Protein backbone atom coordinates (compact mmCIF):
# COMPACT_ATOMS: atom_id res chain seq x y z
CA MET A 1 53.37 114.94 100.73
CA ASP A 2 56.91 114.64 99.36
CA ALA A 3 60.08 113.48 101.10
CA HIS A 4 63.54 113.60 99.50
CA TYR A 5 66.80 112.12 100.75
CA ALA A 6 70.27 112.75 99.30
CA LEU A 7 72.50 109.67 99.15
CA ALA A 8 76.20 109.35 98.33
CA SER A 9 77.68 109.85 94.83
CA GLY A 10 74.86 112.02 93.51
CA TRP A 11 72.04 109.56 94.21
CA THR A 12 68.69 110.77 95.59
CA ALA A 13 65.61 108.92 96.78
CA SER A 14 62.13 110.44 96.97
CA LEU A 15 58.78 109.28 98.21
CA GLY A 16 55.57 111.08 97.29
CA ILE A 17 52.10 110.30 98.60
CA TYR A 18 49.24 112.17 96.95
CA ASN A 19 45.58 112.58 97.91
CA VAL A 20 46.35 111.03 101.29
CA LEU A 21 42.78 111.57 102.55
CA ASP A 22 41.27 110.03 99.36
CA THR A 23 39.25 113.19 98.75
CA HIS A 24 36.64 112.93 95.99
CA ALA A 25 36.54 116.41 94.47
CA PRO A 26 37.43 118.12 91.21
CA ALA A 27 41.10 118.96 90.77
CA ALA A 28 40.13 121.58 88.17
CA GLU A 29 36.93 122.98 86.69
CA PHE A 30 36.62 124.46 83.21
CA TRP A 31 33.83 126.49 81.60
CA TYR A 32 33.70 126.08 77.84
CA VAL A 33 31.41 125.30 74.93
CA ASP A 34 31.35 121.73 73.70
CA ARG A 35 29.66 120.12 70.74
CA LEU A 36 28.93 116.54 71.67
CA ARG A 37 27.12 114.48 69.02
CA PRO A 38 23.88 113.99 71.05
CA GLU A 39 23.64 117.74 71.75
CA ILE A 40 23.97 119.00 68.16
CA ASP A 41 20.22 118.93 67.41
CA GLY A 42 19.21 120.93 70.49
CA TYR A 43 22.28 123.21 70.59
CA PRO A 44 23.56 123.94 67.06
CA ASP A 45 26.16 126.44 68.37
CA GLY A 46 27.31 124.11 71.14
CA ARG A 47 26.47 124.03 74.80
CA ALA A 48 28.33 126.05 77.44
CA ASP A 49 28.85 123.97 80.54
CA VAL A 50 31.17 123.31 83.48
CA HIS A 51 33.54 120.38 82.94
CA ASP A 52 35.70 119.03 85.72
CA HIS A 53 38.75 116.83 86.06
CA PRO A 54 38.58 114.67 89.21
CA LEU A 55 41.41 114.22 91.67
CA GLU A 56 43.45 111.07 91.26
CA PRO A 57 42.92 108.37 93.91
CA ILE A 58 45.54 107.78 96.62
CA THR A 59 48.83 107.51 94.77
CA VAL A 60 52.33 106.59 95.96
CA ARG A 61 55.46 107.33 93.93
CA PHE A 62 58.97 106.16 94.85
CA THR A 63 61.87 107.51 92.78
CA ILE A 64 65.60 106.81 92.80
CA SER A 65 67.75 109.02 90.59
CA ARG A 66 71.39 109.89 90.04
CA LYS A 67 72.86 113.12 88.76
CA LEU A 68 75.75 112.40 86.40
CA ALA A 69 78.81 114.64 86.36
CA ASN A 70 79.36 116.77 83.24
């Protein structure tokens, strides 16, 4: 969820709230071959596996910015 508000003289304020429901799931999944040290003996060519990147926990971001004139 993002909300933006334009203020006077080029100023803007924004509020972002992410993962509002605190969902515990992967944000992305990748399929690739890795070669971790403990796996070298059993898998000399590496081991193909699914790796995931979890979602971040509930996060709030507040930003104030100003656009300067050229």
